[in-house]
Protein backbone atom coordinates (compact mmCIF):
# COMPACT_ATOMS: atom_id res chain seq x y z
CA MET A 1 -192.11 42.87 -28.19
CA GLN A 2 -188.78 42.55 -26.38
CA ALA A 3 -188.30 41.66 -22.72
CA ASP A 4 -186.61 44.13 -20.37
CA GLY A 5 -183.87 41.65 -19.47
CA PRO A 6 -182.92 37.99 -19.37
CA ARG A 7 -185.78 35.73 -18.34
CA ALA A 8 -185.76 33.45 -15.32
CA CYS A 9 -186.36 29.68 -15.49
CA ARG A 10 -188.90 27.60 -13.63
CA PHE A 11 -187.88 24.12 -12.54
CA GLY A 12 -190.41 22.24 -10.42
CA ARG A 13 -191.85 24.75 -7.98
CA ARG A 14 -188.82 27.06 -7.96
CA TRP A 15 -187.68 29.95 -10.13
CA TYR A 16 -184.00 30.47 -10.99
CA LEU A 17 -182.37 33.62 -12.30
CA ASN A 18 -180.61 33.79 -15.65
CA ASN A 19 -177.12 32.19 -15.38
CA GLU A 20 -177.98 30.59 -12.02
CA SER A 21 -177.06 26.91 -11.60
CA TRP A 22 -178.43 24.25 -9.25
CA HIS A 23 -178.70 20.53 -8.53
CA PRO A 24 -182.30 19.54 -9.29
CA TYR A 25 -184.57 18.11 -6.62
CA VAL A 26 -186.58 15.19 -7.96
CA PRO A 27 -189.19 13.58 -5.65
CA PRO A 28 -189.00 10.91 -4.29
CA PHE A 29 -185.23 10.72 -4.88
CA GLY A 30 -184.26 14.11 -3.45
CA GLU A 31 -181.42 16.31 -4.64
CA MET A 32 -179.61 14.89 -7.67
CA LYS A 33 -176.00 15.85 -6.81
CA CYS A 34 -174.61 14.27 -9.99
CA ILE A 35 -176.75 16.47 -12.25
CA LEU A 36 -176.22 20.18 -12.76
CA CYS A 37 -178.88 22.47 -14.23
CA TRP A 38 -178.54 26.08 -15.27
CA CYS A 39 -180.79 28.83 -16.61
CA VAL A 40 -180.02 30.48 -19.95
CA SER A 41 -182.43 33.22 -21.07
CA GLY A 42 -185.52 31.45 -19.74
CA GLU A 43 -184.49 27.93 -20.83
CA THR A 44 -183.39 25.25 -18.36
CA HIS A 45 -180.48 23.04 -19.38
CA CYS A 46 -179.35 20.02 -17.36
CA GLN A 47 -176.40 17.68 -17.69
CA ARG A 48 -175.22 14.64 -15.74
CA GLN A 49 -171.63 14.86 -14.52
CA GLU A 50 -169.44 13.00 -16.98
CA CYS A 51 -167.13 10.44 -15.46
CA PRO A 52 -164.16 8.66 -17.01
CA PRO A 53 -164.48 4.88 -16.92
CA ALA A 54 -162.77 3.23 -13.95
CA ALA A 55 -160.06 0.80 -15.10
CA CYS A 56 -160.15 -1.57 -12.14
CA ALA A 57 -162.19 -4.52 -10.91
CA SER A 58 -163.68 -2.85 -7.81
CA PRO A 59 -163.85 0.95 -8.05
CA THR A 60 -164.89 3.07 -5.06
CA ARG A 61 -166.98 6.26 -4.80
CA ARG A 62 -165.57 7.49 -1.48
CA ASP A 63 -164.20 10.87 -2.67
CA ASN A 64 -166.83 11.53 -5.34
CA PRO A 65 -170.27 9.89 -5.07
CA CYS A 66 -170.95 10.61 -8.75
CA CYS A 67 -167.86 9.00 -10.28
CA ALA A 68 -166.19 5.71 -9.45
CA LYS A 69 -162.41 5.76 -9.04
CA CYS A 70 -159.82 3.05 -8.59
CA ARG A 71 -158.37 2.85 -5.09
CA PRO A 72 -154.56 3.11 -4.87
CA PRO A 73 -153.02 -0.31 -4.11
CA ASP A 74 -151.69 0.86 -0.71
CA ALA A 75 -154.97 2.50 0.42
CA PRO A 76 -156.98 0.85 3.22
CA PRO A 77 -160.42 -0.45 2.26
CA ASP A 78 -163.26 2.01 2.79
CA GLY A 79 -165.34 1.97 5.99
CA ARG A 80 -168.30 0.14 4.48
CA GLU A 81 -166.12 -2.83 3.58
CA LYS A 82 -164.69 -2.92 7.11
CA VAL A 83 -168.20 -3.02 8.63
CA HIS A 84 -169.24 -5.77 6.24
CA ASP A 85 -166.08 -7.78 7.01
CA ALA A 86 -166.58 -7.37 10.76
CA ARG A 87 -170.16 -8.66 10.55
CA ALA A 88 -169.08 -11.63 8.43
CA GLU A 89 -166.40 -12.40 11.02
CA VAL A 90 -168.94 -12.30 13.88
CA TRP A 91 -171.37 -14.55 12.00
CA SER A 92 -168.69 -17.13 11.27
CA HIS A 93 -167.90 -17.78 14.98
């Protein structure tokens, strides 16, 4: 017996159409933005975003939360580092 068309996929409590893609929601972590899933003829396939290795001592994830990148030498430090530095400065007085 043959189906009338491509089958949908069930992931968790949701159904996805054939060829539809999504970022999975995994309780208690929430939406997994670094993983992409897609439906192919009733089968769910998922893959983590592949990232090239960062070739520096302290990579940042400012532009892409999934992949670490090296900051250009002339770039200012990201906001989190500034907040941390400011607190350390206040505590040292």
